[in-house]
Amino acid sequence: VYIQSRTGGATFGNIIAGGVIGGVIDGSNGASNHLYPSPVYVRL
C-alpha cells in the first residue's frame, strides 16, 4: 500500500495567520501535511 503525504486543508489559513515565513517553514518541513491512509488498515 502506498502512503501519500497530502497537503493539509489549513495550509492557506496558516499562511494568512502565520505569514509567508510560517507557511514556507511548514511547507518545507512537511508539518502542514498529513499521511493517508491513516490507519493503514488492510483486509487480506
PDB file of all heavy atoms in Angstrom:
ATOM      1  N   VAL A   1       0.855  -1.184   0.000  1.00  0.00           N
ATOM      2  CA  VAL A   1       0.000   0.000   0.000  1.00  0.00           C
ATOM      3  C   VAL A   1       0.891   1.234   0.000  1.00  0.00           C
ATOM      4  O   VAL A   1       1.828   1.332   0.797  1.00  0.00           O
ATOM      5  CB  VAL A   1      -0.916   0.033   1.252  1.00  0.00           C
ATOM      6  CG1 VAL A   1      -1.778   1.287   1.267  1.00  0.00           C
ATOM      7  CG2 VAL A   1      -1.760  -1.224   1.354  1.00  0.00           C
ATOM      8  N   TYR A   2       0.584   2.183  -0.897  1.00  0.00           N
ATOM      9  CA  TYR A   2       1.272   3.457  -0.900  1.00  0.00           C
ATOM     10  C   TYR A   2       0.719   4.317   0.231  1.00  0.00           C
ATOM     11  O   TYR A   2      -0.480   4.327   0.493  1.00  0.00           O
ATOM     12  CB  TYR A   2       1.068   4.206  -2.215  1.00  0.00           C
ATOM     13  CG  TYR A   2       1.726   3.564  -3.412  1.00  0.00           C
ATOM     14  CD1 TYR A   2       1.016   3.329  -4.580  1.00  0.00           C
ATOM     15  CD2 TYR A   2       3.071   3.226  -3.393  1.00  0.00           C
ATOM     16  CE1 TYR A   2       1.613   2.772  -5.688  1.00  0.00           C
ATOM     17  CE2 TYR A   2       3.685   2.658  -4.494  1.00  0.00           C
ATOM     18  CZ  TYR A   2       2.952   2.432  -5.641  1.00  0.00           C
ATOM     19  OH  TYR A   2       3.548   1.877  -6.732  1.00  0.00           O
ATOM     20  N   ILE A   3       1.600   5.071   0.900  1.00  0.00           N
ATOM     21  CA  ILE A   3       1.196   6.045   1.918  1.00  0.00           C
ATOM     22  C   ILE A   3       1.561   7.410   1.353  1.00  0.00           C
ATOM     23  O   ILE A   3       2.736   7.693   1.097  1.00  0.00           O
ATOM     24  CB  ILE A   3       1.915   5.788   3.261  1.00  0.00           C
ATOM     25  CG1 ILE A   3       1.600   4.376   3.763  1.00  0.00           C
ATOM     26  CG2 ILE A   3       1.502   6.847   4.287  1.00  0.00           C
ATOM     27  CD1 ILE A   3       2.426   3.946   4.964  1.00  0.00           C
ATOM     28  N   GLN A   4       0.541   8.242   1.147  1.00  0.00           N
ATOM     29  CA  GLN A   4       0.728   9.527   0.491  1.00  0.00           C
ATOM     30  C   GLN A   4       0.759  10.669   1.496  1.00  0.00           C
ATOM     31  O   GLN A   4      -0.079  10.739   2.394  1.00  0.00           O
ATOM     32  CB  GLN A   4      -0.407   9.759  -0.511  1.00  0.00           C
ATOM     33  CG  GLN A   4      -0.242  11.009  -1.335  1.00  0.00           C
ATOM     34  CD  GLN A   4      -1.415  11.246  -2.271  1.00  0.00           C
ATOM     35  OE1 GLN A   4      -2.554  10.999  -1.913  1.00  0.00           O
ATOM     36  NE2 GLN A   4      -1.117  11.723  -3.480  1.00  0.00           N
ATOM     37  N   SER A   5       1.711  11.570   1.318  1.00  0.00           N
ATOM     38  CA  SER A   5       1.778  12.797   2.095  1.00  0.00           C
ATOM     39  C   SER A   5       0.914  13.827   1.373  1.00  0.00           C
ATOM     40  O   SER A   5       1.202  14.201   0.243  1.00  0.00           O
ATOM     41  CB  SER A   5       3.224  13.291   2.190  1.00  0.00           C
ATOM     42  OG  SER A   5       3.273  14.527   2.847  1.00  0.00           O
ATOM     43  N   ARG A   6      -0.163  14.263   2.035  1.00  0.00           N
ATOM     44  CA  ARG A   6      -1.113  15.197   1.427  1.00  0.00           C
ATOM     45  C   ARG A   6      -1.053  16.530   2.147  1.00  0.00           C
ATOM     46  O   ARG A   6      -0.934  16.579   3.368  1.00  0.00           O
ATOM     47  CB  ARG A   6      -2.536  14.649   1.528  1.00  0.00           C
ATOM     48  CG  ARG A   6      -2.745  13.379   0.732  1.00  0.00           C
ATOM     49  CD  ARG A   6      -4.163  12.910   0.842  1.00  0.00           C
ATOM     50  NE  ARG A   6      -4.393  11.772  -0.045  1.00  0.00           N
ATOM     51  CZ  ARG A   6      -5.547  11.145  -0.163  1.00  0.00           C
ATOM     52  NH1 ARG A   6      -6.589  11.547   0.565  1.00  0.00           N
ATOM     53  NH2 ARG A   6      -5.676  10.133  -0.983  1.00  0.00           N
ATOM     54  N   THR A   7      -1.211  17.608   1.376  1.00  0.00           N
ATOM     55  CA  THR A   7      -1.244  18.942   1.960  1.00  0.00           C
ATOM     56  C   THR A   7      -2.509  19.097   2.779  1.00  0.00           C
ATOM     57  O   THR A   7      -3.595  18.765   2.313  1.00  0.00           O
ATOM     58  CB  THR A   7      -1.209  20.016   0.857  1.00  0.00           C
ATOM     59  OG1 THR A   7      -0.027  19.808   0.076  1.00  0.00           O
ATOM     60  CG2 THR A   7      -1.188  21.410   1.456  1.00  0.00           C
ATOM     61  N   GLY A   8      -2.360  19.589   4.005  1.00  0.00           N
ATOM     62  CA  GLY A   8      -3.495  19.781   4.904  1.00  0.00           C
ATOM     63  C   GLY A   8      -4.350  20.965   4.487  1.00  0.00           C
ATOM     64  O   GLY A   8      -3.874  21.911   3.855  1.00  0.00           O
ATOM     65  N   GLY A   9      -5.624  20.924   4.832  1.00  0.00           N
ATOM     66  CA  GLY A   9      -6.564  21.970   4.475  1.00  0.00           C
ATOM     67  C   GLY A   9      -6.280  23.304   5.135  1.00  0.00           C
ATOM     68  O   GLY A   9      -6.688  24.353   4.647  1.00  0.00           O
ATOM     69  N   ALA A  10      -5.569  23.309   6.243  1.00  0.00           N
ATOM     70  CA  ALA A  10      -5.316  24.559   6.969  1.00  0.00           C
ATOM     71  C   ALA A  10      -4.088  25.307   6.454  1.00  0.00           C
ATOM     72  O   ALA A  10      -3.740  26.361   6.972  1.00  0.00           O
ATOM     73  CB  ALA A  10      -5.139  24.254   8.448  1.00  0.00           C
ATOM     74  N   THR A  11      -3.458  24.794   5.421  1.00  0.00           N
ATOM     75  CA  THR A  11      -2.224  25.399   4.933  1.00  0.00           C
ATOM     76  C   THR A  11      -2.401  26.867   4.557  1.00  0.00           C
ATOM     77  O   THR A  11      -1.613  27.720   4.951  1.00  0.00           O
ATOM     78  CB  THR A  11      -1.697  24.625   3.707  1.00  0.00           C
ATOM     79  OG1 THR A  11      -1.453  23.281   4.112  1.00  0.00           O
ATOM     80  CG2 THR A  11      -0.427  25.228   3.165  1.00  0.00           C
ATOM     81  N   PHE A  12      -3.438  27.167   3.792  1.00  0.00           N
ATOM     82  CA  PHE A  12      -3.614  28.543   3.329  1.00  0.00           C
ATOM     83  C   PHE A  12      -4.022  29.467   4.474  1.00  0.00           C
ATOM     84  O   PHE A  12      -3.595  30.611   4.519  1.00  0.00           O
ATOM     85  CB  PHE A  12      -4.600  28.579   2.167  1.00  0.00           C
ATOM     86  CG  PHE A  12      -4.094  27.767   1.011  1.00  0.00           C
ATOM     87  CD1 PHE A  12      -4.654  26.539   0.715  1.00  0.00           C
ATOM     88  CD2 PHE A  12      -3.018  28.208   0.253  1.00  0.00           C
ATOM     89  CE1 PHE A  12      -4.163  25.767  -0.323  1.00  0.00           C
ATOM     90  CE2 PHE A  12      -2.518  27.444  -0.788  1.00  0.00           C
ATOM     91  CZ  PHE A  12      -3.100  26.213  -1.082  1.00  0.00           C
ATOM     92  N   GLY A  13      -4.809  28.981   5.420  1.00  0.00           N
ATOM     93  CA  GLY A  13      -5.136  29.763   6.608  1.00  0.00           C
ATOM     94  C   GLY A  13      -3.895  30.034   7.428  1.00  0.00           C
ATOM     95  O   GLY A  13      -3.727  31.107   8.002  1.00  0.00           O
ATOM     96  N   ASN A  14      -2.998  29.061   7.464  1.00  0.00           N
ATOM     97  CA  ASN A  14      -1.743  29.216   8.195  1.00  0.00           C
ATOM     98  C   ASN A  14      -0.903  30.323   7.572  1.00  0.00           C
ATOM     99  O   ASN A  14      -0.285  31.117   8.277  1.00  0.00           O
ATOM    100  CB  ASN A  14      -0.977  27.894   8.194  1.00  0.00           C
ATOM    101  CG  ASN A  14       0.368  28.007   8.886  1.00  0.00           C
ATOM    102  OD1 ASN A  14       0.509  28.716   9.874  1.00  0.00           O
ATOM    103  ND2 ASN A  14       1.354  27.326   8.362  1.00  0.00           N
ATOM    104  N   ILE A  15      -0.887  30.391   6.236  1.00  0.00           N
ATOM    105  CA  ILE A  15      -0.109  31.434   5.575  1.00  0.00           C
ATOM    106  C   ILE A  15      -0.668  32.804   5.940  1.00  0.00           C
ATOM    107  O   ILE A  15       0.072  33.737   6.226  1.00  0.00           O
ATOM    108  CB  ILE A  15      -0.086  31.221   4.051  1.00  0.00           C
ATOM    109  CG1 ILE A  15       0.742  29.973   3.728  1.00  0.00           C
ATOM    110  CG2 ILE A  15       0.481  32.440   3.327  1.00  0.00           C
ATOM    111  CD1 ILE A  15       0.679  29.520   2.294  1.00  0.00           C
ATOM    112  N   ILE A  16      -2.002  32.914   5.980  1.00  0.00           N
ATOM    113  CA  ILE A  16      -2.633  34.188   6.327  1.00  0.00           C
ATOM    114  C   ILE A  16      -2.344  34.540   7.785  1.00  0.00           C
ATOM    115  O   ILE A  16      -1.937  35.646   8.102  1.00  0.00           O
ATOM    116  CB  ILE A  16      -4.155  34.140   6.065  1.00  0.00           C
ATOM    117  CG1 ILE A  16      -4.394  34.046   4.555  1.00  0.00           C
ATOM    118  CG2 ILE A  16      -4.859  35.346   6.653  1.00  0.00           C
ATOM    119  CD1 ILE A  16      -5.806  33.676   4.176  1.00  0.00           C
ATOM    120  N   ALA A  17      -2.539  33.565   8.694  1.00  0.00           N
ATOM    121  CA  ALA A  17      -2.362  33.841  10.126  1.00  0.00           C
ATOM    122  C   ALA A  17      -0.895  33.892  10.527  1.00  0.00           C
ATOM    123  O   ALA A  17      -0.502  34.724  11.340  1.00  0.00           O
ATOM    124  CB  ALA A  17      -3.080  32.780  10.953  1.00  0.00           C
ATOM    125  N   GLY A  18      -0.087  33.005   9.967  1.00  0.00           N
ATOM    126  CA  GLY A  18       1.305  32.900  10.396  1.00  0.00           C
ATOM    127  C   GLY A  18       2.273  33.627   9.506  1.00  0.00           C
ATOM    128  O   GLY A  18       3.467  33.672   9.783  1.00  0.00           O
ATOM    129  N   GLY A  19       1.772  34.156   8.394  1.00  0.00           N
ATOM    130  CA  GLY A  19       2.644  34.874   7.477  1.00  0.00           C
ATOM    131  C   GLY A  19       3.319  33.934   6.503  1.00  0.00           C
ATOM    132  O   GLY A  19       3.261  32.711   6.616  1.00  0.00           O
ATOM    133  N   VAL A  20       3.944  34.527   5.535  1.00  0.00           N
ATOM    134  CA  VAL A  20       4.610  33.766   4.481  1.00  0.00           C
ATOM    135  C   VAL A  20       5.738  32.923   5.061  1.00  0.00           C
ATOM    136  O   VAL A  20       5.917  31.763   4.682  1.00  0.00           O
ATOM    137  CB  VAL A  20       5.125  34.719   3.376  1.00  0.00           C
ATOM    138  CG1 VAL A  20       5.948  33.957   2.349  1.00  0.00           C
ATOM    139  CG2 VAL A  20       3.963  35.429   2.706  1.00  0.00           C
ATOM    140  N   ILE A  21       6.485  33.457   5.995  1.00  0.00           N
ATOM    141  CA  ILE A  21       7.613  32.716   6.576  1.00  0.00           C
ATOM    142  C   ILE A  21       7.109  31.445   7.255  1.00  0.00           C
ATOM    143  O   ILE A  21       7.655  30.362   7.045  1.00  0.00           O
ATOM    144  CB  ILE A  21       8.423  33.582   7.558  1.00  0.00           C
ATOM    145  CG1 ILE A  21       9.107  34.719   6.803  1.00  0.00           C
ATOM    146  CG2 ILE A  21       9.448  32.743   8.307  1.00  0.00           C
ATOM    147  CD1 ILE A  21       9.794  35.731   7.679  1.00  0.00           C
ATOM    148  N   GLY A  22       6.049  31.568   8.054  1.00  0.00           N
ATOM    149  CA  GLY A  22       5.489  30.388   8.714  1.00  0.00           C
ATOM    150  C   GLY A  22       4.985  29.363   7.709  1.00  0.00           C
ATOM    151  O   GLY A  22       5.176  28.163   7.868  1.00  0.00           O
ATOM    152  N   GLY A  23       4.344  29.847   6.641  1.00  0.00           N
ATOM    153  CA  GLY A  23       3.857  28.949   5.594  1.00  0.00           C
ATOM    154  C   GLY A  23       4.991  28.228   4.890  1.00  0.00           C
ATOM    155  O   GLY A  23       4.905  27.037   4.602  1.00  0.00           O
ATOM    156  N   VAL A  24       6.073  28.937   4.623  1.00  0.00           N
ATOM    157  CA  VAL A  24       7.236  28.329   3.969  1.00  0.00           C
ATOM    158  C   VAL A  24       7.869  27.279   4.875  1.00  0.00           C
ATOM    159  O   VAL A  24       8.214  26.185   4.435  1.00  0.00           O
ATOM    160  CB  VAL A  24       8.268  29.412   3.559  1.00  0.00           C
ATOM    161  CG1 VAL A  24       9.584  28.784   3.123  1.00  0.00           C
ATOM    162  CG2 VAL A  24       7.694  30.288   2.453  1.00  0.00           C
ATOM    163  N   ILE A  25       8.001  27.610   6.152  1.00  0.00           N
ATOM    164  CA  ILE A  25       8.594  26.658   7.100  1.00  0.00           C
ATOM    165  C   ILE A  25       7.747  25.394   7.167  1.00  0.00           C
ATOM    166  O   ILE A  25       8.258  24.284   7.050  1.00  0.00           O
ATOM    167  CB  ILE A  25       8.766  27.286   8.497  1.00  0.00           C
ATOM    168  CG1 ILE A  25       9.871  28.339   8.448  1.00  0.00           C
ATOM    169  CG2 ILE A  25       9.072  26.232   9.550  1.00  0.00           C
ATOM    170  CD1 ILE A  25       9.985  29.192   9.685  1.00  0.00           C
ATOM    171  N   ASP A  26       6.425  25.557   7.357  1.00  0.00           N
ATOM    172  CA  ASP A  26       5.539  24.392   7.444  1.00  0.00           C
ATOM    173  C   ASP A  26       5.555  23.585   6.156  1.00  0.00           C
ATOM    174  O   ASP A  26       5.528  22.357   6.177  1.00  0.00           O
ATOM    175  CB  ASP A  26       4.115  24.819   7.773  1.00  0.00           C
ATOM    176  CG  ASP A  26       3.963  25.295   9.203  1.00  0.00           C
ATOM    177  OD1 ASP A  26       4.847  25.004  10.025  1.00  0.00           O
ATOM    178  OD2 ASP A  26       2.947  25.950   9.497  1.00  0.00           O
ATOM    179  N   GLY A  27       5.610  24.269   5.016  1.00  0.00           N
ATOM    180  CA  GLY A  27       5.640  23.566   3.738  1.00  0.00           C
ATOM    181  C   GLY A  27       6.931  22.808   3.523  1.00  0.00           C
ATOM    182  O   GLY A  27       6.935  21.693   3.011  1.00  0.00           O
ATOM    183  N   SER A  28       8.041  23.381   3.947  1.00  0.00           N
ATOM    184  CA  SER A  28       9.334  22.739   3.711  1.00  0.00           C
ATOM    185  C   SER A  28       9.611  21.580   4.660  1.00  0.00           C
ATOM    186  O   SER A  28      10.297  20.636   4.293  1.00  0.00           O
ATOM    187  CB  SER A  28      10.460  23.766   3.790  1.00  0.00           C
ATOM    188  OG  SER A  28      10.592  24.252   5.097  1.00  0.00           O
ATOM    189  N   ASN A  29       9.078  21.627   5.866  1.00  0.00           N
ATOM    190  CA  ASN A  29       9.353  20.530   6.803  1.00  0.00           C
ATOM    191  C   ASN A  29       8.220  19.508   6.853  1.00  0.00           C
ATOM    192  O   ASN A  29       8.295  18.537   7.588  1.00  0.00           O
ATOM    193  CB  ASN A  29       9.700  21.042   8.207  1.00  0.00           C
ATOM    194  CG  ASN A  29       8.537  21.704   8.922  1.00  0.00           C
ATOM    195  OD1 ASN A  29       7.374  21.560   8.552  1.00  0.00           O
ATOM    196  ND2 ASN A  29       8.848  22.447   9.967  1.00  0.00           N
ATOM    197  N   GLY A  30       7.151  19.738   6.072  1.00  0.00           N
ATOM    198  CA  GLY A  30       6.052  18.780   5.984  1.00  0.00           C
ATOM    199  C   GLY A  30       5.015  18.881   7.076  1.00  0.00           C
ATOM    200  O   GLY A  30       4.051  18.119   7.087  1.00  0.00           O
ATOM    201  N   ALA A  31       5.164  19.820   8.005  1.00  0.00           N
ATOM    202  CA  ALA A  31       4.249  19.902   9.144  1.00  0.00           C
ATOM    203  C   ALA A  31       2.818  20.205   8.723  1.00  0.00           C
ATOM    204  O   ALA A  31       1.876  19.838   9.424  1.00  0.00           O
ATOM    205  CB  ALA A  31       4.731  20.959  10.143  1.00  0.00           C
ATOM    206  N   SER A  32       2.631  20.838   7.573  1.00  0.00           N
ATOM    207  CA  SER A  32       1.276  21.157   7.126  1.00  0.00           C
ATOM    208  C   SER A  32       0.632  19.984   6.391  1.00  0.00           C
ATOM    209  O   SER A  32      -0.513  20.067   5.973  1.00  0.00           O
ATOM    210  CB  SER A  32       1.289  22.401   6.233  1.00  0.00           C
ATOM    211  OG  SER A  32       2.107  22.179   5.100  1.00  0.00           O
ATOM    212  N   ASN A  33       1.350  18.883   6.241  1.00  0.00           N
ATOM    213  CA  ASN A  33       0.828  17.707   5.546  1.00  0.00           C
ATOM    214  C   ASN A  33       0.278  16.683   6.537  1.00  0.00           C
ATOM    215  O   ASN A  33       0.551  16.741   7.736  1.00  0.00           O
ATOM    216  CB  ASN A  33       1.935  17.036   4.735  1.00  0.00           C
ATOM    217  CG  ASN A  33       2.394  17.873   3.569  1.00  0.00           C
ATOM    218  OD1 ASN A  33       2.117  19.063   3.487  1.00  0.00           O
ATOM    219  ND2 ASN A  33       3.109  17.263   2.663  1.00  0.00           N
ATOM    220  N   HIS A  34      -0.478  15.733   6.001  1.00  0.00           N
ATOM    221  CA  HIS A  34      -0.904  14.569   6.774  1.00  0.00           C
ATOM    222  C   HIS A  34      -0.729  13.345   5.882  1.00  0.00           C
ATOM    223  O   HIS A  34      -0.736  13.444   4.655  1.00  0.00           O
ATOM    224  CB  HIS A  34      -2.347  14.709   7.276  1.00  0.00           C
ATOM    225  CG  HIS A  34      -3.370  14.717   6.185  1.00  0.00           C
ATOM    226  ND1 HIS A  34      -3.655  15.850   5.453  1.00  0.00           N
ATOM    227  CD2 HIS A  34      -4.162  13.740   5.686  1.00  0.00           C
ATOM    228  CE1 HIS A  34      -4.587  15.565   4.555  1.00  0.00           C
ATOM    229  NE2 HIS A  34      -4.906  14.291   4.668  1.00  0.00           N
ATOM    230  N   LEU A  35      -0.533  12.210   6.510  1.00  0.00           N
ATOM    231  CA  LEU A  35      -0.324  10.969   5.774  1.00  0.00           C
ATOM    232  C   LEU A  35      -1.646  10.235   5.601  1.00  0.00           C
ATOM    233  O   LEU A  35      -2.462  10.185   6.518  1.00  0.00           O
ATOM    234  CB  LEU A  35       0.687  10.084   6.508  1.00  0.00           C
ATOM    235  CG  LEU A  35       2.071  10.715   6.665  1.00  0.00           C
ATOM    236  CD1 LEU A  35       2.935   9.871   7.581  1.00  0.00           C
ATOM    237  CD2 LEU A  35       2.739  10.897   5.308  1.00  0.00           C
ATOM    238  N   TYR A  36      -1.844   9.667   4.410  1.00  0.00           N
ATOM    239  CA  TYR A  36      -3.079   8.946   4.100  1.00  0.00           C
ATOM    240  C   TYR A  36      -2.721   7.675   3.355  1.00  0.00           C
ATOM    241  O   TYR A  36      -1.857   7.718   2.486  1.00  0.00           O
ATOM    242  CB  TYR A  36      -4.002   9.810   3.231  1.00  0.00           C
ATOM    243  CG  TYR A  36      -5.327   9.144   3.001  1.00  0.00           C
ATOM    244  CD1 TYR A  36      -6.344   9.250   3.941  1.00  0.00           C
ATOM    245  CD2 TYR A  36      -5.552   8.382   1.866  1.00  0.00           C
ATOM    246  CE1 TYR A  36      -7.561   8.611   3.738  1.00  0.00           C
ATOM    247  CE2 TYR A  36      -6.757   7.744   1.668  1.00  0.00           C
ATOM    248  CZ  TYR A  36      -7.761   7.859   2.603  1.00  0.00           C
ATOM    249  OH  TYR A  36      -8.956   7.220   2.422  1.00  0.00           O
ATOM    250  N   PRO A  37      -3.337   6.553   3.669  1.00  0.00           N
ATOM    251  CA  PRO A  37      -4.365   6.383   4.696  1.00  0.00           C
ATOM    252  C   PRO A  37      -3.748   6.291   6.089  1.00  0.00           C
ATOM    253  O   PRO A  37      -2.600   5.912   6.246  1.00  0.00           O
ATOM    254  CB  PRO A  37      -5.017   5.055   4.318  1.00  0.00           C
ATOM    255  CG  PRO A  37      -3.957   4.279   3.598  1.00  0.00           C
ATOM    256  CD  PRO A  37      -3.097   5.319   2.908  1.00  0.00           C
ATOM    257  N   SER A  38      -4.523   6.638   7.060  1.00  0.00           N
ATOM    258  CA  SER A  38      -4.121   6.526   8.456  1.00  0.00           C
ATOM    259  C   SER A  38      -5.372   6.300   9.293  1.00  0.00           C
ATOM    260  O   SER A  38      -6.204   7.198   9.367  1.00  0.00           O
ATOM    261  CB  SER A  38      -3.396   7.789   8.921  1.00  0.00           C
ATOM    262  OG  SER A  38      -2.957   7.637  10.261  1.00  0.00           O
ATOM    263  N   PRO A  39      -5.509   5.100   9.832  1.00  0.00           N
ATOM    264  CA  PRO A  39      -4.562   3.991   9.844  1.00  0.00           C
ATOM    265  C   PRO A  39      -4.460   3.332   8.464  1.00  0.00           C
ATOM    266  O   PRO A  39      -5.339   3.496   7.627  1.00  0.00           O
ATOM    267  CB  PRO A  39      -5.167   3.019  10.854  1.00  0.00           C
ATOM    268  CG  PRO A  39      -6.639   3.260  10.770  1.00  0.00           C
ATOM    269  CD  PRO A  39      -6.773   4.741  10.497  1.00  0.00           C
ATOM    270  N   VAL A  40      -3.378   2.583   8.274  1.00  0.00           N
ATOM    271  CA  VAL A  40      -3.252   1.748   7.086  1.00  0.00           C
ATOM    272  C   VAL A  40      -3.800   0.387   7.516  1.00  0.00           C
ATOM    273  O   VAL A  40      -3.128  -0.386   8.183  1.00  0.00           O
ATOM    274  CB  VAL A  40      -1.794   1.637   6.601  1.00  0.00           C
ATOM    275  CG1 VAL A  40      -1.734   0.856   5.297  1.00  0.00           C
ATOM    276  CG2 VAL A  40      -1.168   3.014   6.430  1.00  0.00           C
ATOM    277  N   TYR A  41      -5.063   0.171   7.172  1.00  0.00           N
ATOM    278  CA  TYR A  41      -5.821  -0.988   7.647  1.00  0.00           C
ATOM    279  C   TYR A  41      -6.238  -1.792   6.420  1.00  0.00           C
ATOM    280  O   TYR A  41      -6.988  -1.310   5.580  1.00  0.00           O
ATOM    281  CB  TYR A  41      -7.027  -0.490   8.432  1.00  0.00           C
ATOM    282  CG  TYR A  41      -7.847  -1.490   9.205  1.00  0.00           C
ATOM    283  CD1 TYR A  41      -7.535  -2.845   9.255  1.00  0.00           C
ATOM    284  CD2 TYR A  41      -8.968  -1.059   9.898  1.00  0.00           C
ATOM    285  CE1 TYR A  41      -8.297  -3.729   9.992  1.00  0.00           C
ATOM    286  CE2 TYR A  41      -9.747  -1.945  10.633  1.00  0.00           C
ATOM    287  CZ  TYR A  41      -9.407  -3.276  10.673  1.00  0.00           C
ATOM    288  OH  TYR A  41     -10.175  -4.152  11.396  1.00  0.00           O
ATOM    289  N   VAL A  42      -5.747  -3.030   6.316  1.00  0.00           N
ATOM    290  CA  VAL A  42      -5.957  -3.846   5.125  1.00  0.00           C
ATOM    291  C   VAL A  42      -6.630  -5.163   5.487  1.00  0.00           C
ATOM    292  O   VAL A  42      -6.215  -5.842   6.421  1.00  0.00           O
ATOM    293  CB  VAL A  42      -4.605  -4.133   4.421  1.00  0.00           C
ATOM    294  CG1 VAL A  42      -4.796  -5.034   3.212  1.00  0.00           C
ATOM    295  CG2 VAL A  42      -3.921  -2.833   4.016  1.00  0.00           C
ATOM    296  N   ARG A  43      -7.680  -5.498   4.718  1.00  0.00           N
ATOM    297  CA  ARG A  43      -8.281  -6.836   4.818  1.00  0.00           C
ATOM    298  C   ARG A  43      -7.557  -7.702   3.793  1.00  0.00           C
ATOM    299  O   ARG A  43      -7.615  -7.449   2.601  1.00  0.00           O
ATOM    300  CB  ARG A  43      -9.775  -6.819   4.523  1.00  0.00           C
ATOM    301  CG  ARG A  43     -10.391  -8.231   4.617  1.00  0.00           C
ATOM    302  CD  ARG A  43     -11.900  -8.254   4.462  1.00  0.00           C
ATOM    303  NE  ARG A  43     -12.494  -7.508   5.560  1.00  0.00           N
ATOM    304  CZ  ARG A  43     -13.536  -6.683   5.418  1.00  0.00           C
ATOM    305  NH1 ARG A  43     -14.090  -6.496   4.236  1.00  0.00           N
ATOM    306  NH2 ARG A  43     -14.025  -6.055   6.466  1.00  0.00           N
ATOM    307  N   LEU A  44      -6.850  -8.709   4.308  1.00  0.00           N
ATOM    308  CA  LEU A  44      -6.061  -9.589   3.461  1.00  0.00           C
ATOM    309  C   LEU A  44      -6.947 -10.641   2.795  1.00  0.00           C
ATOM    310  O   LEU A  44      -8.037 -10.944   3.279  1.00  0.00           O
ATOM    311  CB  LEU A  44      -4.979 -10.267   4.306  1.00  0.00           C
ATOM    312  CG  LEU A  44      -4.012  -9.318   5.031  1.00  0.00           C
ATOM    313  CD1 LEU A  44      -3.140 -10.092   6.006  1.00  0.00           C
ATOM    314  CD2 LEU A  44      -3.165  -8.559   4.027  1.00  0.00           C
TER     315      LEU A  44
END
